[in-house]
Amino acid sequence: MRNILTFHIGQPREDKDILSVTPIIDGKMLSDSVHFYERSNEFDLAGSYGGLIPDFFDYGPLDRYFLGQAASTYWKNLGGIYVLGCQCGEVGCWPLVCKVSVTENDVTWSHFKQPFRRTRDYSRFGPFVFCKTDYEVTVRELSATIEHGVLSPNLDQGSALDPPKAGGPWNP
């Protein structure tokens, strides 16, 4: 069974011009799911993740970025993309990284890692496999929303201070 990706677009601060992007997988905020996984595995500093803030870091076009097609060699050297940043708003402070693999029919997020805790084992977190066609539509809608302010009905808009309810395999 494939996973379903959407995004929560919120305002992480009182500044309404700043938007935060948090992946939602199968209806669960990725930040909540990884927090539960880390806590269950007794990792120090479990959680502490927030959404990505495109105004604070140059990801390039988000539709290409989330397909692992960013133009910068930075991402190749990192071995993946940031899918979450720190709750403080600075992605480089406490990021969650994953590898993005694209095939003819699927997009897969796997090999999650926390670059500042290299000994952590995320092998039981994911992989998440998405239908490529649906995934491409979702990331194009996200890109248009962030770049042009065109809100798609398929994206969750709200305040990051009041995220959707959690639940699921890593967050019961």
N, C-alpha and C. Protein backbone atom coordinates (compact mmCIF):
# COMPACT_ATOMS: atom_id res chain seq x y z
N MET A 1 0.84 -1.19 0.00
CA MET A 1 0.00 0.00 0.00
C MET A 1 0.88 1.24 0.00
N ARG A 2 0.55 2.20 -0.83
CA ARG A 2 1.32 3.44 -0.92
C ARG A 2 0.85 4.43 0.13
N ASN A 3 1.78 5.30 0.48
CA ASN A 3 1.48 6.38 1.42
C ASN A 3 0.93 7.57 0.65
N ILE A 4 0.29 8.48 1.38
CA ILE A 4 -0.26 9.69 0.78
C ILE A 4 0.43 10.89 1.41
N LEU A 5 0.95 11.77 0.57
CA LEU A 5 1.65 12.98 1.02
C LEU A 5 0.80 14.21 0.79
N THR A 6 0.68 15.01 1.82
CA THR A 6 0.14 16.36 1.71
C THR A 6 1.08 17.25 2.52
N PHE A 7 0.80 18.51 2.60
CA PHE A 7 1.62 19.44 3.36
C PHE A 7 0.74 20.35 4.20
N HIS A 8 1.23 20.66 5.36
CA HIS A 8 0.61 21.67 6.22
C HIS A 8 1.37 22.96 5.99
N ILE A 9 0.66 24.01 5.61
CA ILE A 9 1.27 25.31 5.43
C ILE A 9 0.77 26.19 6.55
N GLY A 10 1.68 26.61 7.39
CA GLY A 10 1.29 27.39 8.55
C GLY A 10 2.18 28.59 8.76
N GLN A 11 1.88 29.30 9.79
CA GLN A 11 2.66 30.47 10.19
C GLN A 11 3.31 30.15 11.52
N PRO A 12 4.62 29.88 11.50
CA PRO A 12 5.29 29.44 12.71
C PRO A 12 5.48 30.54 13.75
N ARG A 13 5.26 31.74 13.33
CA ARG A 13 5.45 32.89 14.22
C ARG A 13 4.28 33.84 14.04
N GLU A 14 4.32 34.89 14.78
CA GLU A 14 3.25 35.88 14.65
C GLU A 14 3.37 36.66 13.35
N ASP A 15 4.52 36.59 12.68
CA ASP A 15 4.72 37.26 11.40
C ASP A 15 3.95 36.50 10.34
N LYS A 16 2.85 37.05 9.89
CA LYS A 16 1.97 36.36 8.96
C LYS A 16 2.53 36.25 7.55
N ASP A 17 3.66 36.92 7.27
CA ASP A 17 4.28 36.83 5.96
C ASP A 17 5.23 35.64 5.83
N ILE A 18 5.54 34.99 6.93
CA ILE A 18 6.44 33.85 6.93
C ILE A 18 5.61 32.56 6.97
N LEU A 19 5.90 31.66 6.01
CA LEU A 19 5.17 30.40 5.94
C LEU A 19 6.09 29.23 6.25
N SER A 20 5.54 28.25 6.91
CA SER A 20 6.24 27.02 7.26
C SER A 20 5.56 25.86 6.53
N VAL A 21 6.37 24.92 6.03
CA VAL A 21 5.87 23.79 5.28
C VAL A 21 6.23 22.50 6.02
N THR A 22 5.22 21.76 6.44
CA THR A 22 5.44 20.51 7.16
C THR A 22 4.78 19.36 6.40
N PRO A 23 5.55 18.33 6.03
CA PRO A 23 4.93 17.19 5.36
C PRO A 23 3.93 16.47 6.28
N ILE A 24 2.86 16.01 5.66
CA ILE A 24 1.86 15.18 6.33
C ILE A 24 1.81 13.88 5.55
N ILE A 25 2.07 12.77 6.23
CA ILE A 25 2.05 11.47 5.57
C ILE A 25 0.90 10.66 6.16
N ASP A 26 0.00 10.27 5.29
CA ASP A 26 -1.18 9.50 5.69
C ASP A 26 -1.96 10.20 6.80
N GLY A 27 -2.05 11.52 6.69
CA GLY A 27 -2.84 12.30 7.64
C GLY A 27 -2.12 12.65 8.93
N LYS A 28 -0.85 12.29 9.06
CA LYS A 28 -0.09 12.56 10.29
C LYS A 28 1.07 13.51 10.00
N MET A 29 1.21 14.52 10.83
CA MET A 29 2.34 15.44 10.68
C MET A 29 3.64 14.65 10.83
N LEU A 30 4.57 14.82 9.89
CA LEU A 30 5.84 14.11 9.97
C LEU A 30 6.60 14.49 11.24
N SER A 31 6.50 15.73 11.67
CA SER A 31 7.19 16.16 12.90
C SER A 31 6.67 15.39 14.12
N ASP A 32 5.38 15.12 14.17
CA ASP A 32 4.82 14.34 15.27
C ASP A 32 5.25 12.88 15.19
N SER A 33 5.22 12.32 13.98
CA SER A 33 5.58 10.92 13.80
C SER A 33 7.03 10.65 14.18
N VAL A 34 7.94 11.53 13.75
CA VAL A 34 9.35 11.31 14.07
C VAL A 34 9.62 11.57 15.55
N HIS A 35 8.89 12.50 16.14
CA HIS A 35 9.03 12.74 17.58
C HIS A 35 8.66 11.48 18.36
N PHE A 36 7.55 10.87 18.00
CA PHE A 36 7.13 9.63 18.67
C PHE A 36 8.16 8.52 18.47
N TYR A 37 8.67 8.39 17.25
CA TYR A 37 9.68 7.36 16.96
C TYR A 37 10.94 7.59 17.81
N GLU A 38 11.40 8.83 17.85
CA GLU A 38 12.61 9.14 18.62
C GLU A 38 12.40 8.91 20.11
N ARG A 39 11.26 9.33 20.61
CA ARG A 39 10.95 9.12 22.03
C ARG A 39 10.86 7.64 22.36
N SER A 40 10.22 6.85 21.49
CA SER A 40 10.09 5.42 21.68
C SER A 40 11.45 4.71 21.70
N ASN A 41 12.41 5.29 21.00
CA ASN A 41 13.75 4.73 20.95
C ASN A 41 14.70 5.39 21.94
N GLU A 42 14.14 6.21 22.83
CA GLU A 42 14.89 6.87 23.89
C GLU A 42 16.07 7.70 23.37
N PHE A 43 15.86 8.37 22.22
CA PHE A 43 16.88 9.26 21.70
C PHE A 43 16.90 10.53 22.54
N ASP A 44 18.10 11.06 22.80
CA ASP A 44 18.18 12.34 23.49
C ASP A 44 17.64 13.43 22.55
N LEU A 45 17.07 14.46 23.12
CA LEU A 45 16.47 15.56 22.35
C LEU A 45 15.46 15.05 21.32
N ALA A 46 14.57 14.19 21.74
CA ALA A 46 13.56 13.64 20.83
C ALA A 46 12.66 14.75 20.31
N GLY A 47 12.42 14.70 19.02
CA GLY A 47 11.55 15.70 18.41
C GLY A 47 12.28 17.00 18.17
N SER A 48 11.70 18.07 18.61
CA SER A 48 12.25 19.42 18.43
C SER A 48 12.27 19.84 16.96
N TYR A 49 11.44 19.21 16.14
CA TYR A 49 11.40 19.54 14.71
C TYR A 49 10.27 20.51 14.41
N GLY A 50 10.47 21.25 13.36
CA GLY A 50 9.44 22.14 12.84
C GLY A 50 9.43 22.04 11.33
N GLY A 51 8.54 22.77 10.73
CA GLY A 51 8.45 22.76 9.27
C GLY A 51 9.60 23.51 8.63
N LEU A 52 9.70 23.36 7.33
CA LEU A 52 10.70 24.09 6.55
C LEU A 52 10.16 25.49 6.27
N ILE A 53 11.02 26.48 6.34
CA ILE A 53 10.62 27.86 6.07
C ILE A 53 11.37 28.33 4.83
N PRO A 54 10.71 28.29 3.66
CA PRO A 54 11.39 28.63 2.41
C PRO A 54 12.00 30.03 2.39
N ASP A 55 11.47 30.97 3.15
CA ASP A 55 12.05 32.31 3.19
C ASP A 55 13.39 32.36 3.91
N PHE A 56 13.70 31.33 4.70
CA PHE A 56 14.93 31.33 5.50
C PHE A 56 16.06 30.51 4.87
N PHE A 57 15.78 29.76 3.79
CA PHE A 57 16.79 28.90 3.18
C PHE A 57 16.43 28.75 1.70
N ASP A 58 17.44 28.72 0.84
CA ASP A 58 17.20 28.60 -0.60
C ASP A 58 17.11 27.13 -1.01
N TYR A 59 15.89 26.62 -1.07
CA TYR A 59 15.66 25.25 -1.51
C TYR A 59 15.55 25.16 -3.02
N GLY A 60 15.44 26.31 -3.68
CA GLY A 60 15.14 26.31 -5.10
C GLY A 60 13.66 26.02 -5.28
N PRO A 61 13.23 25.75 -6.52
CA PRO A 61 11.82 25.42 -6.75
C PRO A 61 11.42 24.18 -5.94
N LEU A 62 10.39 24.31 -5.11
CA LEU A 62 10.02 23.22 -4.19
C LEU A 62 9.55 21.96 -4.91
N ASP A 63 8.95 22.12 -6.11
CA ASP A 63 8.53 20.91 -6.82
C ASP A 63 9.73 20.08 -7.24
N ARG A 64 10.80 20.70 -7.65
CA ARG A 64 12.04 19.97 -7.99
C ARG A 64 12.75 19.49 -6.73
N TYR A 65 12.77 20.33 -5.70
CA TYR A 65 13.44 19.99 -4.45
C TYR A 65 12.88 18.69 -3.87
N PHE A 66 11.57 18.59 -3.75
CA PHE A 66 10.96 17.41 -3.14
C PHE A 66 11.02 16.16 -4.04
N LEU A 67 11.46 16.33 -5.28
CA LEU A 67 11.73 15.18 -6.14
C LEU A 67 13.21 14.81 -6.11
N GLY A 68 13.97 15.50 -5.26
CA GLY A 68 15.40 15.23 -5.17
C GLY A 68 16.17 15.75 -6.36
N GLN A 69 15.61 16.75 -7.06
CA GLN A 69 16.21 17.29 -8.28
C GLN A 69 16.73 18.71 -8.11
N ALA A 70 17.08 19.07 -6.89
CA ALA A 70 17.61 20.41 -6.65
C ALA A 70 18.91 20.58 -7.41
N ALA A 71 19.13 21.78 -7.93
CA ALA A 71 20.28 22.04 -8.78
C ALA A 71 21.61 22.09 -8.01
N SER A 72 21.57 22.45 -6.76
CA SER A 72 22.78 22.64 -5.97
C SER A 72 23.45 21.31 -5.60
N THR A 73 24.77 21.29 -5.62
CA THR A 73 25.52 20.10 -5.18
C THR A 73 25.44 19.92 -3.67
N TYR A 74 24.95 20.92 -2.97
CA TYR A 74 24.79 20.84 -1.52
C TYR A 74 23.99 19.59 -1.14
N TRP A 75 22.92 19.32 -1.88
CA TRP A 75 22.02 18.21 -1.56
C TRP A 75 22.68 16.87 -1.86
N LYS A 76 23.46 16.81 -2.92
CA LYS A 76 24.18 15.58 -3.23
C LYS A 76 25.18 15.27 -2.12
N ASN A 77 25.88 16.28 -1.65
CA ASN A 77 26.85 16.09 -0.56
C ASN A 77 26.16 15.71 0.74
N LEU A 78 24.94 16.20 0.95
CA LEU A 78 24.19 15.88 2.16
C LEU A 78 23.66 14.44 2.12
N GLY A 79 23.43 13.94 0.91
CA GLY A 79 22.91 12.58 0.76
C GLY A 79 21.40 12.50 0.88
N GLY A 80 20.73 13.62 0.65
CA GLY A 80 19.27 13.64 0.73
C GLY A 80 18.78 15.07 0.79
N ILE A 81 17.56 15.23 1.27
CA ILE A 81 16.97 16.57 1.41
C ILE A 81 16.49 16.74 2.84
N TYR A 82 16.37 17.98 3.24
CA TYR A 82 15.74 18.27 4.52
C TYR A 82 14.23 18.10 4.34
N VAL A 83 13.61 17.34 5.22
CA VAL A 83 12.14 17.25 5.20
C VAL A 83 11.54 17.96 6.40
N LEU A 84 12.36 18.18 7.43
CA LEU A 84 11.98 18.98 8.59
C LEU A 84 13.17 19.81 9.02
N GLY A 85 12.89 20.94 9.64
CA GLY A 85 13.93 21.76 10.23
C GLY A 85 13.73 21.81 11.72
N CYS A 86 14.45 22.69 12.36
CA CYS A 86 14.33 22.87 13.80
C CYS A 86 13.07 23.67 14.13
N GLN A 87 12.53 23.43 15.30
CA GLN A 87 11.35 24.18 15.73
C GLN A 87 11.65 25.66 15.90
N CYS A 88 12.94 26.03 15.98
CA CYS A 88 13.31 27.45 16.10
C CYS A 88 13.18 28.18 14.78
N GLY A 89 13.05 27.44 13.67
CA GLY A 89 12.91 28.05 12.36
C GLY A 89 14.17 27.94 11.50
N GLU A 90 15.28 27.59 12.09
CA GLU A 90 16.54 27.46 11.36
C GLU A 90 16.73 26.00 10.97
N VAL A 91 16.66 25.72 9.68
CA VAL A 91 16.72 24.33 9.22
C VAL A 91 18.05 23.67 9.59
N GLY A 92 19.14 24.41 9.53
CA GLY A 92 20.45 23.84 9.81
C GLY A 92 20.71 23.56 11.28
N CYS A 93 19.86 24.05 12.15
CA CYS A 93 20.02 23.86 13.60
C CYS A 93 19.72 22.42 14.01
N TRP A 94 18.64 21.83 13.45
CA TRP A 94 18.21 20.49 13.86
C TRP A 94 17.35 19.89 12.75
N PRO A 95 17.97 19.51 11.60
CA PRO A 95 17.17 19.01 10.48
C PRO A 95 16.94 17.50 10.53
N LEU A 96 15.91 17.07 9.84
CA LEU A 96 15.70 15.66 9.56
C LEU A 96 15.90 15.51 8.05
N VAL A 97 16.76 14.58 7.67
CA VAL A 97 17.14 14.37 6.28
C VAL A 97 16.62 13.02 5.82
N CYS A 98 16.24 12.93 4.56
CA CYS A 98 15.92 11.62 3.97
C CYS A 98 16.38 11.60 2.53
N LYS A 99 16.56 10.39 2.04
CA LYS A 99 16.90 10.17 0.64
C LYS A 99 15.60 10.10 -0.15
N VAL A 100 15.58 10.72 -1.31
CA VAL A 100 14.42 10.67 -2.21
C VAL A 100 14.81 9.84 -3.43
N SER A 101 14.06 8.79 -3.69
CA SER A 101 14.29 7.94 -4.86
C SER A 101 13.05 8.01 -5.74
N VAL A 102 13.27 8.20 -7.03
CA VAL A 102 12.17 8.31 -7.98
C VAL A 102 12.29 7.20 -9.02
N THR A 103 11.20 6.45 -9.20
CA THR A 103 11.12 5.44 -10.25
C THR A 103 10.00 5.84 -11.20
N GLU A 104 9.71 4.99 -12.13
CA GLU A 104 8.66 5.28 -13.10
C GLU A 104 7.30 5.52 -12.44
N ASN A 105 7.01 4.78 -11.36
CA ASN A 105 5.69 4.86 -10.74
C ASN A 105 5.66 5.39 -9.31
N ASP A 106 6.82 5.44 -8.66
CA ASP A 106 6.85 5.77 -7.23
C ASP A 106 7.89 6.83 -6.89
N VAL A 107 7.65 7.49 -5.78
CA VAL A 107 8.64 8.34 -5.12
C VAL A 107 8.76 7.80 -3.70
N THR A 108 9.99 7.54 -3.26
CA THR A 108 10.21 6.94 -1.96
C THR A 108 11.08 7.83 -1.09
N TRP A 109 10.65 8.02 0.16
CA TRP A 109 11.48 8.68 1.18
C TRP A 109 12.03 7.57 2.07
N SER A 110 13.34 7.51 2.18
CA SER A 110 13.98 6.46 2.98
C SER A 110 15.28 6.98 3.57
N HIS A 111 15.96 6.12 4.31
CA HIS A 111 17.27 6.43 4.90
C HIS A 111 17.24 7.75 5.67
N PHE A 112 16.29 7.85 6.57
CA PHE A 112 16.18 9.06 7.40
C PHE A 112 17.40 9.17 8.31
N LYS A 113 17.80 10.40 8.56
CA LYS A 113 18.92 10.62 9.47
C LYS A 113 18.85 12.00 10.10
N GLN A 114 19.46 12.08 11.25
CA GLN A 114 19.63 13.34 11.97
C GLN A 114 21.14 13.61 11.91
N PRO A 115 21.58 14.58 11.08
CA PRO A 115 23.01 14.77 10.86
C PRO A 115 23.84 15.10 12.11
N PHE A 116 23.19 15.57 13.16
CA PHE A 116 23.93 15.90 14.39
C PHE A 116 23.93 14.76 15.40
N ARG A 117 23.28 13.65 15.05
CA ARG A 117 23.27 12.45 15.88
C ARG A 117 23.45 11.25 14.95
N ARG A 118 24.63 11.11 14.41
CA ARG A 118 24.92 10.11 13.38
C ARG A 118 24.74 8.67 13.84
N THR A 119 24.75 8.42 15.14
CA THR A 119 24.60 7.05 15.63
C THR A 119 23.14 6.61 15.76
N ARG A 120 22.22 7.54 15.58
CA ARG A 120 20.80 7.17 15.67
C ARG A 120 20.42 6.24 14.53
N ASP A 121 19.57 5.27 14.86
CA ASP A 121 19.11 4.28 13.89
C ASP A 121 17.66 4.58 13.51
N TYR A 122 17.47 5.02 12.28
CA TYR A 122 16.13 5.30 11.77
C TYR A 122 15.66 4.22 10.80
N SER A 123 16.31 3.07 10.80
CA SER A 123 16.00 2.03 9.81
C SER A 123 14.57 1.52 9.92
N ARG A 124 13.93 1.68 11.08
CA ARG A 124 12.53 1.24 11.22
C ARG A 124 11.55 2.40 11.03
N PHE A 125 12.05 3.56 10.65
CA PHE A 125 11.19 4.71 10.36
C PHE A 125 11.11 4.84 8.84
N GLY A 126 9.93 4.58 8.30
CA GLY A 126 9.78 4.55 6.86
C GLY A 126 10.17 3.16 6.36
N PRO A 127 10.41 2.98 5.08
CA PRO A 127 10.31 4.01 4.06
C PRO A 127 8.86 4.37 3.76
N PHE A 128 8.71 5.53 3.16
CA PHE A 128 7.39 5.99 2.74
C PHE A 128 7.38 6.00 1.22
N VAL A 129 6.43 5.29 0.63
CA VAL A 129 6.36 5.15 -0.82
C VAL A 129 5.08 5.83 -1.31
N PHE A 130 5.25 6.75 -2.24
CA PHE A 130 4.14 7.54 -2.76
C PHE A 130 3.94 7.27 -4.25
N CYS A 131 2.70 7.35 -4.70
CA CYS A 131 2.39 7.27 -6.13
C CYS A 131 3.02 8.50 -6.80
N LYS A 132 3.86 8.28 -7.78
CA LYS A 132 4.61 9.37 -8.41
C LYS A 132 3.68 10.44 -8.99
N THR A 133 2.62 10.02 -9.66
CA THR A 133 1.70 10.99 -10.27
C THR A 133 1.07 11.89 -9.22
N ASP A 134 0.54 11.30 -8.15
CA ASP A 134 -0.08 12.08 -7.08
C ASP A 134 0.95 12.96 -6.38
N TYR A 135 2.13 12.43 -6.15
CA TYR A 135 3.21 13.15 -5.50
C TYR A 135 3.59 14.40 -6.30
N GLU A 136 3.75 14.22 -7.61
CA GLU A 136 4.11 15.35 -8.47
C GLU A 136 3.05 16.44 -8.44
N VAL A 137 1.79 16.07 -8.45
CA VAL A 137 0.71 17.05 -8.35
C VAL A 137 0.80 17.81 -7.02
N THR A 138 1.01 17.07 -5.94
CA THR A 138 1.08 17.68 -4.61
C THR A 138 2.24 18.65 -4.49
N VAL A 139 3.42 18.27 -4.97
CA VAL A 139 4.57 19.18 -4.83
C VAL A 139 4.47 20.37 -5.79
N ARG A 140 3.81 20.19 -6.93
CA ARG A 140 3.56 21.35 -7.82
C ARG A 140 2.61 22.33 -7.15
N GLU A 141 1.56 21.81 -6.50
CA GLU A 141 0.61 22.67 -5.79
C GLU A 141 1.30 23.38 -4.63
N LEU A 142 2.16 22.68 -3.92
CA LEU A 142 2.92 23.30 -2.84
C LEU A 142 3.79 24.42 -3.39
N SER A 143 4.51 24.15 -4.45
CA SER A 143 5.39 25.14 -5.04
C SER A 143 4.62 26.39 -5.47
N ALA A 144 3.47 26.19 -6.12
CA ALA A 144 2.64 27.33 -6.55
C ALA A 144 2.13 28.12 -5.36
N THR A 145 1.75 27.42 -4.30
CA THR A 145 1.26 28.10 -3.10
C THR A 145 2.34 28.97 -2.48
N ILE A 146 3.53 28.44 -2.34
CA ILE A 146 4.62 29.18 -1.71
C ILE A 146 5.11 30.30 -2.62
N GLU A 147 5.29 30.00 -3.89
CA GLU A 147 5.87 30.99 -4.81
C GLU A 147 4.89 32.06 -5.26
N HIS A 148 3.61 31.71 -5.38
CA HIS A 148 2.65 32.65 -5.95
C HIS A 148 1.47 32.96 -5.04
N GLY A 149 1.42 32.34 -3.89
CA GLY A 149 0.31 32.58 -2.97
C GLY A 149 -1.00 31.99 -3.45
N VAL A 150 -0.94 30.96 -4.32
CA VAL A 150 -2.15 30.32 -4.84
C VAL A 150 -2.43 29.11 -3.97
N LEU A 151 -3.43 29.19 -3.11
CA LEU A 151 -3.73 28.10 -2.20
C LEU A 151 -4.52 27.01 -2.90
N SER A 152 -4.03 25.79 -2.77
CA SER A 152 -4.71 24.63 -3.33
C SER A 152 -5.63 24.03 -2.28
N PRO A 153 -6.81 23.55 -2.67
CA PRO A 153 -7.69 22.89 -1.70
C PRO A 153 -7.11 21.58 -1.19
N ASN A 154 -6.07 21.04 -1.86
CA ASN A 154 -5.47 19.78 -1.45
C ASN A 154 -4.39 19.96 -0.38
N LEU A 155 -4.05 21.20 -0.05
CA LEU A 155 -3.05 21.47 0.96
C LEU A 155 -3.73 21.97 2.21
N ASP A 156 -3.20 21.61 3.35
CA ASP A 156 -3.74 22.01 4.65
C ASP A 156 -3.16 23.36 5.03
N GLN A 157 -3.99 24.36 5.19
CA GLN A 157 -3.51 25.67 5.59
C GLN A 157 -3.99 25.97 7.00
N GLY A 158 -3.10 26.45 7.80
CA GLY A 158 -3.46 26.78 9.16
C GLY A 158 -2.26 27.28 9.91
N SER A 159 -2.37 27.36 11.17
CA SER A 159 -1.28 27.82 12.00
C SER A 159 -0.46 26.63 12.47
N ALA A 160 0.85 26.73 12.35
CA ALA A 160 1.71 25.65 12.83
C ALA A 160 1.60 25.53 14.34
N LEU A 161 1.05 26.55 14.99
CA LEU A 161 0.87 26.48 16.43
C LEU A 161 -0.34 25.62 16.79
N ASP A 162 -1.17 25.34 15.80
CA ASP A 162 -2.37 24.52 16.02
C ASP A 162 -2.42 23.45 14.93
N PRO A 163 -1.47 22.46 14.95
CA PRO A 163 -1.38 21.48 13.88
C PRO A 163 -2.53 20.49 13.90
N PRO A 164 -2.70 19.75 12.78
CA PRO A 164 -3.73 18.72 12.75
C PRO A 164 -3.49 17.66 13.81
N LYS A 165 -4.52 16.94 14.16
CA LYS A 165 -4.41 15.87 15.15
C LYS A 165 -3.46 14.78 14.64
N ALA A 166 -2.71 14.20 15.53
CA ALA A 166 -1.76 13.14 15.18
C ALA A 166 -2.43 11.78 15.33
N GLY A 167 -1.72 10.76 14.89
CA GLY A 167 -2.20 9.40 15.04
C GLY A 167 -1.52 8.51 14.03
N GLY A 168 -1.44 7.24 14.27
CA GLY A 168 -0.86 6.33 13.29
C GLY A 168 0.26 5.51 13.87
N PRO A 169 1.02 4.86 12.96
CA PRO A 169 1.99 3.88 13.41
C PRO A 169 3.08 4.45 14.32
N TRP A 170 3.45 5.71 14.14
CA TRP A 170 4.49 6.29 14.99
C TRP A 170 3.92 7.31 15.95
N ASN A 171 2.64 7.48 15.94
CA ASN A 171 2.04 8.48 16.81
C ASN A 171 0.60 8.09 17.13
N PRO A 172 0.41 7.13 18.03
CA PRO A 172 -0.95 6.65 18.30
C PRO A 172 -1.83 7.70 18.97
